[in-house]
């Protein structure tokens, strides 16, 4: 009888962990899908900014220079 309880408890634990992994796998797939959508939207905006004549590399360099000054992030974002 004790053997049966041990097997039942172990089976329950195994089922719990398998179910958790299944759920987490689905969550990860959904997160990946969302990231792909965000990446596509960002690429669309980057393309439009380039067609409007905005040099994103120059903008990135400006931000990098600001960040190197060891200023608090609040001060960097105000500009």
PDB file of N, CA and C in Angstrom:
ATOM      1  N   UNK A   1       0.815  -1.191   0.000  1.00  0.00           N
ATOM      2  CA  UNK A   1       0.000   0.000   0.000  1.00  0.00           C
ATOM      3  C   UNK A   1       0.864   1.262   0.000  1.00  0.00           C
ATOM      4  N   UNK A   2       1.942   1.295   0.759  1.00  0.00           N
ATOM      5  CA  UNK A   2       2.846   2.444   0.782  1.00  0.00           C
ATOM      6  C   UNK A   2       3.486   2.643  -0.574  1.00  0.00           C
ATOM      7  N   UNK A   3       3.788   1.543  -1.243  1.00  0.00           N
ATOM      8  CA  UNK A   3       4.374   1.586  -2.593  1.00  0.00           C
ATOM      9  C   UNK A   3       3.419   2.279  -3.558  1.00  0.00           C
ATOM     10  N   UNK A   4       2.145   1.994  -3.461  1.00  0.00           N
ATOM     11  CA  UNK A   4       1.135   2.579  -4.340  1.00  0.00           C
ATOM     12  C   UNK A   4       1.043   4.085  -4.121  1.00  0.00           C
ATOM     13  N   UNK A   5       1.096   4.520  -2.860  1.00  0.00           N
ATOM     14  CA  UNK A   5       1.048   5.949  -2.560  1.00  0.00           C
ATOM     15  C   UNK A   5       2.275   6.658  -3.114  1.00  0.00           C
ATOM     16  N   UNK A   6       3.441   6.023  -2.988  1.00  0.00           N
ATOM     17  CA  UNK A   6       4.670   6.611  -3.514  1.00  0.00           C
ATOM     18  C   UNK A   6       4.601   6.745  -5.029  1.00  0.00           C
ATOM     19  N   UNK A   7       4.109   5.685  -5.685  1.00  0.00           N
ATOM     20  CA  UNK A   7       3.989   5.722  -7.148  1.00  0.00           C
ATOM     21  C   UNK A   7       2.983   6.780  -7.581  1.00  0.00           C
ATOM     22  N   UNK A   8       1.901   6.897  -6.845  1.00  0.00           N
ATOM     23  CA  UNK A   8       0.869   7.881  -7.161  1.00  0.00           C
ATOM     24  C   UNK A   8       1.408   9.304  -6.987  1.00  0.00           C
ATOM     25  N   UNK A   9       2.129   9.523  -5.899  1.00  0.00           N
ATOM     26  CA  UNK A   9       2.702  10.849  -5.652  1.00  0.00           C
ATOM     27  C   UNK A   9       3.730  11.201  -6.717  1.00  0.00           C
ATOM     28  N   UNK A  10       4.547  10.220  -7.096  1.00  0.00           N
ATOM     29  CA  UNK A  10       5.558  10.461  -8.126  1.00  0.00           C
ATOM     30  C   UNK A  10       4.892  10.737  -9.470  1.00  0.00           C
ATOM     31  N   UNK A  11       3.857   9.989  -9.797  1.00  0.00           N
ATOM     32  CA  UNK A  11       3.139  10.200 -11.054  1.00  0.00           C
ATOM     33  C   UNK A  11       2.504  11.592 -11.080  1.00  0.00           C
ATOM     34  N   UNK A  12       1.999  12.017  -9.927  1.00  0.00           N
ATOM     35  CA  UNK A  12       1.393  13.345  -9.834  1.00  0.00           C
ATOM     36  C   UNK A  12       2.446  14.437 -10.052  1.00  0.00           C
ATOM     37  N   UNK A  13       3.605  14.263  -9.450  1.00  0.00           N
ATOM     38  CA  UNK A  13       4.690  15.235  -9.642  1.00  0.00           C
ATOM     39  C   UNK A  13       5.129  15.278 -11.095  1.00  0.00           C
ATOM     40  N   UNK A  14       5.264  14.097 -11.705  1.00  0.00           N
ATOM     41  CA  UNK A  14       5.674  14.032 -13.114  1.00  0.00           C
ATOM     42  C   UNK A  14       4.648  14.741 -13.981  1.00  0.00           C
ATOM     43  N   UNK A  15       3.370  14.481 -13.728  1.00  0.00           N
ATOM     44  CA  UNK A  15       2.303  15.126 -14.492  1.00  0.00           C
ATOM     45  C   UNK A  15       2.317  16.636 -14.330  1.00  0.00           C
ATOM     46  N   UNK A  16       2.559  17.094 -13.108  1.00  0.00           N
ATOM     47  CA  UNK A  16       2.621  18.529 -12.852  1.00  0.00           C
ATOM     48  C   UNK A  16       3.744  19.182 -13.654  1.00  0.00           C
ATOM     49  N   UNK A  17       4.927  18.573 -13.611  1.00  0.00           N
ATOM     50  CA  UNK A  17       6.077  19.154 -14.316  1.00  0.00           C
ATOM     51  C   UNK A  17       5.912  19.085 -15.829  1.00  0.00           C
ATOM     52  N   UNK A  18       5.358  18.003 -16.340  1.00  0.00           N
ATOM     53  CA  UNK A  18       5.112  17.905 -17.787  1.00  0.00           C
ATOM     54  C   UNK A  18       4.095  18.950 -18.225  1.00  0.00           C
ATOM     55  N   UNK A  19       3.056  19.133 -17.435  1.00  0.00           N
ATOM     56  CA  UNK A  19       2.045  20.142 -17.753  1.00  0.00           C
ATOM     57  C   UNK A  19       2.630  21.543 -17.719  1.00  0.00           C
ATOM     58  N   UNK A  20       3.482  21.787 -16.735  1.00  0.00           N
ATOM     59  CA  UNK A  20       4.132  23.098 -16.634  1.00  0.00           C
ATOM     60  C   UNK A  20       5.011  23.360 -17.846  1.00  0.00           C
ATOM     61  N   UNK A  21       5.786  22.355 -18.245  1.00  0.00           N
ATOM     62  CA  UNK A  21       6.639  22.521 -19.421  1.00  0.00           C
ATOM     63  C   UNK A  21       5.823  22.759 -20.682  1.00  0.00           C
ATOM     64  N   UNK A  22       4.730  22.066 -20.806  1.00  0.00           N
ATOM     65  CA  UNK A  22       3.860  22.257 -21.963  1.00  0.00           C
ATOM     66  C   UNK A  22       3.323  23.686 -22.007  1.00  0.00           C
ATOM     67  N   UNK A  23       2.858  24.180 -20.878  1.00  0.00           N
ATOM     68  CA  UNK A  23       2.337  25.548 -20.793  1.00  0.00           C
ATOM     69  C   UNK A  23       3.429  26.567 -21.092  1.00  0.00           C
ATOM     70  N   UNK A  24       4.595  26.368 -20.491  1.00  0.00           N
ATOM     71  CA  UNK A  24       5.696  27.312 -20.703  1.00  0.00           C
ATOM     72  C   UNK A  24       6.182  27.306 -22.148  1.00  0.00           C
ATOM     73  N   UNK A  25       6.154  26.161 -22.786  1.00  0.00           N
ATOM     74  CA  UNK A  25       6.538  26.084 -24.196  1.00  0.00           C
ATOM     75  C   UNK A  25       5.584  26.908 -25.055  1.00  0.00           C
ATOM     76  N   UNK A  26       4.305  26.801 -24.777  1.00  0.00           N
ATOM     77  CA  UNK A  26       3.306  27.592 -25.514  1.00  0.00           C
ATOM     78  C   UNK A  26       3.497  29.090 -25.248  1.00  0.00           C
ATOM     79  N   UNK A  27       3.785  29.436 -24.012  1.00  0.00           N
ATOM     80  CA  UNK A  27       4.034  30.836 -23.662  1.00  0.00           C
ATOM     81  C   UNK A  27       5.263  31.370 -24.400  1.00  0.00           C
ATOM     82  N   UNK A  28       6.312  30.563 -24.463  1.00  0.00           N
ATOM     83  CA  UNK A  28       7.531  30.975 -25.158  1.00  0.00           C
ATOM     84  C   UNK A  28       7.257  31.175 -26.648  1.00  0.00           C
ATOM     85  N   UNK A  29       6.484  30.283 -27.253  1.00  0.00           N
ATOM     86  CA  UNK A  29       6.133  30.422 -28.669  1.00  0.00           C
ATOM     87  C   UNK A  29       5.358  31.709 -28.915  1.00  0.00           C
ATOM     88  N   UNK A  30       4.434  32.027 -28.021  1.00  0.00           N
ATOM     89  CA  UNK A  30       3.648  33.260 -28.165  1.00  0.00           C
ATOM     90  C   UNK A  30       4.544  34.486 -28.006  1.00  0.00           C
ATOM     91  N   UNK A  31       5.454  34.437 -27.050  1.00  0.00           N
ATOM     92  CA  UNK A  31       6.385  35.540 -26.859  1.00  0.00           C
ATOM     93  C   UNK A  31       7.254  35.743 -28.102  1.00  0.00           C
ATOM     94  N   UNK A  32       7.714  34.666 -28.693  1.00  0.00           N
ATOM     95  CA  UNK A  32       8.518  34.759 -29.916  1.00  0.00           C
ATOM     96  C   UNK A  32       7.699  35.402 -31.041  1.00  0.00           C
ATOM     97  N   UNK A  33       6.431  35.030 -31.124  1.00  0.00           N
ATOM     98  CA  UNK A  33       5.560  35.600 -32.159  1.00  0.00           C
ATOM     99  C   UNK A  33       5.401  37.104 -31.934  1.00  0.00           C
ATOM    100  N   UNK A  34       5.214  37.504 -30.694  1.00  0.00           N
ATOM    101  CA  UNK A  34       5.072  38.924 -30.372  1.00  0.00           C
ATOM    102  C   UNK A  34       6.363  39.671 -30.709  1.00  0.00           C
ATOM    103  N   UNK A  35       7.505  39.091 -30.371  1.00  0.00           N
ATOM    104  CA  UNK A  35       8.791  39.721 -30.690  1.00  0.00           C
ATOM    105  C   UNK A  35       8.974  39.899 -32.190  1.00  0.00           C
ATOM    106  N   UNK A  36       8.541  38.925 -32.971  1.00  0.00           N
ATOM    107  CA  UNK A  36       8.642  39.040 -34.422  1.00  0.00           C
ATOM    108  C   UNK A  36       7.782  40.187 -34.941  1.00  0.00           C
ATOM    109  N   UNK A  37       6.596  40.334 -34.387  1.00  0.00           N
ATOM    110  CA  UNK A  37       5.715  41.433 -34.796  1.00  0.00           C
ATOM    111  C   UNK A  37       6.345  42.775 -34.445  1.00  0.00           C
ATOM    112  N   UNK A  38       6.886  42.886 -33.234  1.00  0.00           N
ATOM    113  CA  UNK A  38       7.530  44.127 -32.809  1.00  0.00           C
ATOM    114  C   UNK A  38       8.710  44.439 -33.719  1.00  0.00           C
ATOM    115  N   UNK A  39       9.500  43.436 -34.049  1.00  0.00           N
ATOM    116  CA  UNK A  39      10.655  43.636 -34.933  1.00  0.00           C
ATOM    117  C   UNK A  39      10.201  44.124 -36.314  1.00  0.00           C
ATOM    118  N   UNK A  40       9.144  43.546 -36.858  1.00  0.00           N
ATOM    119  CA  UNK A  40       8.622  43.983 -38.149  1.00  0.00           C
ATOM    120  C   UNK A  40       8.170  45.440 -38.088  1.00  0.00           C
ATOM    121  N   UNK A  41       7.481  45.805 -37.024  1.00  0.00           N
ATOM    122  CA  UNK A  41       7.023  47.189 -36.880  1.00  0.00           C
ATOM    123  C   UNK A  41       8.202  48.147 -36.764  1.00  0.00           C
ATOM    124  N   UNK A  42       9.219  47.750 -36.010  1.00  0.00           N
ATOM    125  CA  UNK A  42      10.402  48.602 -35.885  1.00  0.00           C
ATOM    126  C   UNK A  42      11.081  48.775 -37.240  1.00  0.00           C
ATOM    127  N   UNK A  43      11.191  47.713 -38.004  1.00  0.00           N
ATOM    128  CA  UNK A  43      11.816  47.803 -39.321  1.00  0.00           C
ATOM    129  C   UNK A  43      11.025  48.716 -40.253  1.00  0.00           C
ATOM    130  N   UNK A  44       9.705  48.686 -40.147  1.00  0.00           N
ATOM    131  CA  UNK A  44       8.882  49.579 -40.964  1.00  0.00           C
ATOM    132  C   UNK A  44       9.157  51.037 -40.598  1.00  0.00           C
ATOM    133  N   UNK A  45       9.249  51.326 -39.309  1.00  0.00           N
ATOM    134  CA  UNK A  45       9.515  52.700 -38.876  1.00  0.00           C
ATOM    135  C   UNK A  45      10.926  53.138 -39.278  1.00  0.00           C
ATOM    136  N   UNK A  46      11.881  52.255 -39.158  1.00  0.00           N
ATOM    137  CA  UNK A  46      13.251  52.571 -39.571  1.00  0.00           C
ATOM    138  C   UNK A  46      13.286  52.898 -41.064  1.00  0.00           C
ATOM    139  N   UNK A  47      12.605  52.105 -41.851  1.00  0.00           N
ATOM    140  CA  UNK A  47      12.568  52.334 -43.301  1.00  0.00           C
ATOM    141  C   UNK A  47      11.949  53.690 -43.619  1.00  0.00           C
ATOM    142  N   UNK A  48      10.855  54.025 -42.952  1.00  0.00           N
ATOM    143  CA  UNK A  48      10.191  55.309 -43.198  1.00  0.00           C
ATOM    144  C   UNK A  48      11.070  56.475 -42.773  1.00  0.00           C
ATOM    145  N   UNK A  49      11.745  56.344 -41.631  1.00  0.00           N
ATOM    146  CA  UNK A  49      12.640  57.416 -41.194  1.00  0.00           C
ATOM    147  C   UNK A  49      13.775  57.617 -42.188  1.00  0.00           C
ATOM    148  N   UNK A  50      14.282  56.537 -42.744  1.00  0.00           N
ATOM    149  CA  UNK A  50      15.346  56.652 -43.750  1.00  0.00           C
ATOM    150  C   UNK A  50      14.838  57.357 -44.997  1.00  0.00           C
ATOM    151  N   UNK A  51      13.607  57.047 -45.405  1.00  0.00           N
ATOM    152  CA  UNK A  51      13.065  57.714 -46.591  1.00  0.00           C
ATOM    153  C   UNK A  51      12.796  59.194 -46.327  1.00  0.00           C
ATOM    154  N   UNK A  52      12.603  59.550 -45.052  1.00  0.00           N
ATOM    155  CA  UNK A  52      12.404  60.951 -44.680  1.00  0.00           C
ATOM    156  C   UNK A  52      13.723  61.682 -44.451  1.00  0.00           C
ATOM    157  N   UNK A  53      14.830  60.969 -44.651  1.00  0.00           N
ATOM    158  CA  UNK A  53      16.141  61.600 -44.561  1.00  0.00           C
ATOM    159  C   UNK A  53      16.759  61.615 -43.174  1.00  0.00           C
ATOM    160  N   UNK A  54      16.253  60.833 -42.276  1.00  0.00           N
ATOM    161  CA  UNK A  54      16.808  60.774 -40.924  1.00  0.00           C
ATOM    162  C   UNK A  54      17.955  59.766 -40.913  1.00  0.00           C
ATOM    163  N   UNK A  55      19.113  60.229 -40.433  1.00  0.00           N
ATOM    164  CA  UNK A  55      20.279  59.356 -40.323  1.00  0.00           C
ATOM    165  C   UNK A  55      20.263  58.714 -38.938  1.00  0.00           C
ATOM    166  N   UNK A  56      19.804  57.490 -38.873  1.00  0.00           N
ATOM    167  CA  UNK A  56      19.670  56.808 -37.591  1.00  0.00           C
ATOM    168  C   UNK A  56      21.016  56.500 -36.949  1.00  0.00           C
ATOM    169  N   UNK A  57      22.032  56.300 -37.744  1.00  0.00           N
ATOM    170  CA  UNK A  57      23.359  56.047 -37.181  1.00  0.00           C
ATOM    171  C   UNK A  57      23.873  57.291 -36.465  1.00  0.00           C
ATOM    172  N   UNK A  58      23.649  58.451 -37.042  1.00  0.00           N
ATOM    173  CA  UNK A  58      24.065  59.699 -36.402  1.00  0.00           C
ATOM    174  C   UNK A  58      23.280  59.908 -35.105  1.00  0.00           C
ATOM    175  N   UNK A  59      21.999  59.608 -35.130  1.00  0.00           N
ATOM    176  CA  UNK A  59      21.173  59.724 -33.924  1.00  0.00           C
ATOM    177  C   UNK A  59      21.680  58.783 -32.833  1.00  0.00           C
ATOM    178  N   UNK A  60      22.038  57.576 -33.211  1.00  0.00           N
ATOM    179  CA  UNK A  60      22.541  56.600 -32.245  1.00  0.00           C
ATOM    180  C   UNK A  60      23.866  57.070 -31.648  1.00  0.00           C
ATOM    181  N   UNK A  61      24.708  57.677 -32.462  1.00  0.00           N
ATOM    182  CA  UNK A  61      25.990  58.174 -31.959  1.00  0.00           C
ATOM    183  C   UNK A  61      25.774  59.297 -30.947  1.00  0.00           C
ATOM    184  N   UNK A  62      24.785  60.172 -31.200  1.00  0.00           N
ATOM    185  CA  UNK A  62      24.479  61.247 -30.260  1.00  0.00           C
ATOM    186  C   UNK A  62      24.068  60.671 -28.905  1.00  0.00           C
ATOM    187  N   UNK A  63      23.210  59.683 -28.940  1.00  0.00           N
ATOM    188  CA  UNK A  63      22.734  59.068 -27.704  1.00  0.00           C
ATOM    189  C   UNK A  63      23.892  58.384 -26.984  1.00  0.00           C
ATOM    190  N   UNK A  64      24.754  57.716 -27.739  1.00  0.00           N
ATOM    191  CA  UNK A  64      25.902  57.039 -27.139  1.00  0.00           C
ATOM    192  C   UNK A  64      26.817  58.033 -26.449  1.00  0.00           C
ATOM    193  N   UNK A  65      27.046  59.181 -27.079  1.00  0.00           N
ATOM    194  CA  UNK A  65      27.897  60.204 -26.469  1.00  0.00           C
ATOM    195  C   UNK A  65      27.276  60.712 -25.172  1.00  0.00           C
ATOM    196  N   UNK A  66      25.961  60.907 -25.160  1.00  0.00           N
ATOM    197  CA  UNK A  66      25.277  61.367 -23.957  1.00  0.00           C
ATOM    198  C   UNK A  66      25.413  60.341 -22.841  1.00  0.00           C
ATOM    199  N   UNK A  67      25.301  59.078 -23.182  1.00  0.00           N
ATOM    200  CA  UNK A  67      25.355  58.030 -22.166  1.00  0.00           C
ATOM    201  C   UNK A  67      26.748  57.861 -21.580  1.00  0.00           C
ATOM    202  N   UNK A  68      27.764  58.213 -22.339  1.00  0.00           N
ATOM    203  CA  UNK A  68      29.134  58.068 -21.851  1.00  0.00           C
ATOM    204  C   UNK A  68      29.463  59.090 -20.774  1.00  0.00           C
ATOM    205  N   UNK A  69      28.673  60.124 -20.621  1.00  0.00           N
ATOM    206  CA  UNK A  69      28.946  61.169 -19.649  1.00  0.00           C
ATOM    207  C   UNK A  69      28.593  60.787 -18.226  1.00  0.00           C
ATOM    208  N   UNK A  70      28.172  59.559 -18.010  1.00  0.00           N
ATOM    209  CA  UNK A  70      27.785  59.078 -16.683  1.00  0.00           C
ATOM    210  C   UNK A  70      26.675  59.914 -16.049  1.00  0.00           C
ATOM    211  N   UNK A  71      25.813  60.454 -16.873  1.00  0.00           N
ATOM    212  CA  UNK A  71      24.672  61.210 -16.364  1.00  0.00           C
ATOM    213  C   UNK A  71      23.576  60.224 -15.965  1.00  0.00           C
ATOM    214  N   UNK A  72      22.733  60.629 -15.034  1.00  0.00           N
ATOM    215  CA  UNK A  72      21.575  59.779 -14.725  1.00  0.00           C
ATOM    216  C   UNK A  72      20.683  59.656 -15.965  1.00  0.00           C
ATOM    217  N   UNK A  73      20.024  58.542 -16.109  1.00  0.00           N
ATOM    218  CA  UNK A  73      19.202  58.287 -17.293  1.00  0.00           C
ATOM    219  C   UNK A  73      18.116  59.346 -17.459  1.00  0.00           C
ATOM    220  N   UNK A  74      17.613  59.900 -16.369  1.00  0.00           N
ATOM    221  CA  UNK A  74      16.583  60.933 -16.457  1.00  0.00           C
ATOM    222  C   UNK A  74      17.098  62.164 -17.206  1.00  0.00           C
ATOM    223  N   UNK A  75      18.376  62.536 -16.948  1.00  0.00           N
ATOM    224  CA  UNK A  75      18.947  63.694 -17.625  1.00  0.00           C
ATOM    225  C   UNK A  75      19.159  63.425 -19.108  1.00  0.00           C
ATOM    226  N   UNK A  76      19.524  62.205 -19.433  1.00  0.00           N
ATOM    227  CA  UNK A  76      19.747  61.855 -20.839  1.00  0.00           C
ATOM    228  C   UNK A  76      18.443  61.886 -21.599  1.00  0.00           C
ATOM    229  N   UNK A  77      17.376  61.403 -20.987  1.00  0.00           N
ATOM    230  CA  UNK A  77      16.090  61.332 -21.669  1.00  0.00           C
ATOM    231  C   UNK A  77      15.413  62.686 -21.798  1.00  0.00           C
ATOM    232  N   UNK A  78      15.773  63.667 -20.995  1.00  0.00           N
ATOM    233  CA  UNK A  78      15.165  64.990 -21.072  1.00  0.00           C
ATOM    234  C   UNK A  78      15.529  65.700 -22.366  1.00  0.00           C
ATOM    235  N   UNK A  79      16.683  65.398 -22.939  1.00  0.00           N
ATOM    236  CA  UNK A  79      17.140  66.095 -24.151  1.00  0.00           C
ATOM    237  C   UNK A  79      16.556  65.521 -25.394  1.00  0.00           C
TER     238      UNK A  79
END
